[in-house]
Structures are given as structure tokens and as C-alpha cells.
């Protein structure tokens, strides 16, 4: 397995006249759903079966949501810390501000722990340059079936 990446050209939003530059962008190979993730954990020497692991993860998500709504910050060791974040529109004064009218989004955010800080240099990390998903779809759409 390798970390797939493609190259993209982007401009500088703070200087639209500047020349575009080329950057690397990750390209995922597939999406691992909860059931498959639980099986993966269970298959790695766990004494728990896939269904138990899946149940624990599901309960964890439920409990995290409950604790976040209750104003808690949740620190999960090397995984990182979760907390709620607000996006609001400004009010002229504090008296003019109301949560119902000014707060538009309340969402969880994740501050990654040291285990997730930088995977570059990790044992087993290989990189493979691939086309973007859009370019791959364009190429597939341009091909015709021989059958």
C-alpha cells in the first residue's frame, strides 16, 4: 500500500496576480466504513469480535456527542482532543446578541494528538503519484468499451 497523491495547481488567494504553484494533494483509494474498520481492529489480535468493537465505537460516538453538548472537552490520549466550535455572525452590541439568532453553526473540532502530528518518515509510508479523481473520471468517460 502507498499513500496516493496527485499534483494540483493553485493560486495565492492573497495575491491573485501571483503565478500559480504546484502542490501535492492526497488521493484516497477507498473509504473504510465502520463495519470494516471494526473488523480490521478485531483482526489485529483483539480478544473482541467485530460486533463488540463496532458497538464500543458506536457507543463512544454517542457518549462523545453527549459530553460535548454538556460543555466538556474530551481528550483521548494520543488520538487528540475534541471540543465544540461556534460560527456566529456579529451583533452591534452584547445586548443585541442572541445565541438563537447569531450562532449559525455548532460543530465538533479535533485537535490531533502527538501520535497524529506528522506521518512523514513513518516506517512503511510510501508515496505514489496518481491522477486526481476528476482526471481519472474524465479518462474513464473518454474510453469506449470494446465489447
Protein backbone atom coordinates (compact mmCIF):
# COMPACT_ATOMS: atom_id res chain seq x y z
CA UNK A 1 0.00 0.00 0.00
CA UNK A 2 1.08 3.50 -0.68
CA UNK A 3 -0.14 6.99 0.10
CA UNK A 4 -1.61 8.19 -3.19
CA UNK A 5 -1.13 11.82 -4.10
CA UNK A 6 -1.67 13.98 -7.14
CA UNK A 7 -0.39 17.36 -8.20
CA UNK A 8 -2.65 20.39 -8.31
CA UNK A 9 -2.00 23.93 -9.38
CA UNK A 10 -3.26 26.66 -7.08
CA UNK A 11 -3.12 30.41 -6.99
CA UNK A 12 -2.36 32.59 -3.99
CA UNK A 13 -5.70 33.93 -2.65
CA UNK A 14 -3.99 36.92 -1.06
CA UNK A 15 -2.18 37.75 -4.34
CA UNK A 16 -4.34 36.79 -7.36
CA UNK A 17 -1.72 38.23 -9.74
CA UNK A 18 0.99 35.86 -8.49
CA UNK A 19 1.90 32.86 -10.61
CA UNK A 20 0.18 29.62 -9.67
CA UNK A 21 2.28 26.99 -7.95
CA UNK A 22 2.13 23.19 -7.93
CA UNK A 23 1.25 21.36 -4.69
CA UNK A 24 0.75 17.76 -3.61
CA UNK A 25 -2.75 16.66 -2.62
CA UNK A 26 -3.67 13.29 -1.11
CA UNK A 27 -5.94 10.97 -3.05
CA UNK A 28 -7.71 8.27 -1.06
CA UNK A 29 -8.03 4.82 -2.52
CA UNK A 30 -11.26 3.85 -0.80
CA UNK A 31 -13.49 4.61 2.17
CA UNK A 32 -13.39 2.27 5.16
CA UNK A 33 -16.86 2.05 6.71
CA UNK A 34 -17.44 1.39 10.42
CA UNK A 35 -18.12 -2.33 9.96
CA UNK A 36 -14.90 -2.86 8.01
CA UNK A 37 -12.92 -0.72 10.49
CA UNK A 38 -14.27 -2.75 13.42
CA UNK A 39 -13.32 -5.98 11.63
CA UNK A 40 -9.83 -4.58 10.97
CA UNK A 41 -9.39 -3.85 14.69
CA UNK A 42 -10.75 -7.27 15.67
CA UNK A 43 -8.37 -8.96 13.20
CA UNK A 44 -5.33 -7.30 14.81
CA UNK A 45 -5.05 -9.61 17.80
CA UNK A 46 -8.04 -8.22 19.67
CA UNK A 47 -9.87 -10.53 22.05
CA UNK A 48 -13.08 -8.79 20.96
CA UNK A 49 -15.08 -9.70 17.88
CA UNK A 50 -16.06 -7.26 15.14
CA UNK A 51 -19.55 -6.72 16.56
CA UNK A 52 -18.22 -5.88 20.04
CA UNK A 53 -15.66 -3.44 18.62
CA UNK A 54 -18.32 -1.83 16.44
CA UNK A 55 -20.63 -1.50 19.45
CA UNK A 56 -17.90 0.17 21.52
CA UNK A 57 -17.11 2.65 18.72
CA UNK A 58 -20.80 3.43 18.24
CA UNK A 59 -21.29 3.96 21.99
CA UNK A 60 -18.14 6.12 22.06
CA UNK A 61 -19.57 8.42 19.39
CA UNK A 62 -22.89 8.69 21.25
CA UNK A 63 -21.13 9.48 24.53
CA UNK A 64 -18.76 11.98 22.92
CA UNK A 65 -21.70 13.90 21.47
CA UNK A 66 -23.45 13.93 24.85
CA UNK A 67 -20.33 15.16 26.68
CA UNK A 68 -19.53 17.82 24.06
CA UNK A 69 -23.08 19.18 24.25
CA UNK A 70 -22.63 19.24 28.02
CA UNK A 71 -19.71 21.63 27.57
CA UNK A 72 -16.89 19.13 28.09
CA UNK A 73 -13.63 18.90 26.21
CA UNK A 74 -12.67 15.28 25.55
CA UNK A 75 -9.01 14.26 25.49
CA UNK A 76 -8.47 10.78 24.05
CA UNK A 77 -4.76 10.26 24.67
CA UNK A 78 -2.65 10.16 21.55
CA UNK A 79 -5.75 10.39 19.35
CA UNK A 80 -6.23 14.00 20.37
CA UNK A 81 -8.79 16.36 21.86
CA UNK A 82 -12.36 17.07 20.79
CA UNK A 83 -14.40 20.17 21.60
CA UNK A 84 -17.23 22.23 20.16
CA UNK A 85 -16.68 25.26 17.99
CA UNK A 86 -19.13 28.05 17.15
CA UNK A 87 -19.56 30.06 13.97
CA UNK A 88 -21.58 33.20 14.52
CA UNK A 89 -22.44 36.48 12.89
CA UNK A 90 -21.58 39.66 14.71
CA UNK A 91 -24.00 41.80 16.65
CA UNK A 92 -23.61 45.54 17.19
CA UNK A 93 -23.63 45.14 20.98
CA UNK A 94 -23.69 42.37 23.59
CA UNK A 95 -27.35 43.22 24.28
CA UNK A 96 -28.13 42.69 20.57
CA UNK A 97 -26.51 39.24 20.54
CA UNK A 98 -28.61 36.12 20.95
CA UNK A 99 -27.48 32.53 20.60
CA UNK A 100 -30.58 31.63 18.58
CA UNK A 101 -30.12 34.43 16.02
CA UNK A 102 -26.36 34.98 15.87
CA UNK A 103 -24.87 31.50 16.21
CA UNK A 104 -25.14 29.75 12.85
CA UNK A 105 -23.10 26.55 13.39
CA UNK A 106 -22.10 24.49 16.41
CA UNK A 107 -19.76 21.69 15.38
CA UNK A 108 -17.10 19.46 16.87
CA UNK A 109 -13.47 20.07 16.07
CA UNK A 110 -10.50 17.78 16.58
CA UNK A 111 -7.06 18.83 17.74
CA UNK A 112 -4.86 15.91 16.80
CA UNK A 113 -2.60 14.33 19.39
CA UNK A 114 1.12 13.77 19.04
CA UNK A 115 0.53 10.32 17.53
CA UNK A 116 -1.15 12.01 14.55
CA UNK A 117 1.14 15.03 14.21
CA UNK A 118 3.21 14.08 11.16
CA UNK A 119 3.36 10.74 9.36
CA UNK A 120 6.27 11.71 7.11
CA UNK A 121 9.17 9.45 7.95
CA UNK A 122 6.93 6.74 9.46
CA UNK A 123 8.05 3.18 8.81
CA UNK A 124 6.13 1.75 5.89
CA UNK A 125 4.98 5.07 4.45
CA UNK A 126 5.47 5.03 0.70
CA UNK A 127 4.12 7.59 -1.74
CA UNK A 128 2.70 7.00 -5.20
CA UNK A 129 1.79 9.80 -7.61
CA UNK A 130 -1.61 9.25 -9.23
CA UNK A 131 -4.16 11.23 -11.20
CA UNK A 132 -6.80 13.23 -9.35
CA UNK A 133 -10.21 11.55 -9.04
CA UNK A 134 -11.59 14.11 -11.51
CA UNK A 135 -8.88 13.35 -14.11
CA UNK A 136 -9.38 9.61 -13.64
CA UNK A 137 -13.15 10.01 -14.17
CA UNK A 138 -12.53 12.13 -17.29
CA UNK A 139 -10.21 9.46 -18.69
CA UNK A 140 -12.72 6.70 -17.97
CA UNK A 141 -15.54 8.70 -19.55
CA UNK A 142 -13.42 9.14 -22.69
CA UNK A 143 -12.84 5.41 -23.15
CA UNK A 144 -15.26 3.18 -25.02
CA UNK A 145 -15.97 -0.47 -24.32
CA UNK A 146 -14.69 -2.97 -26.88
CA UNK A 147 -17.45 -5.46 -26.08
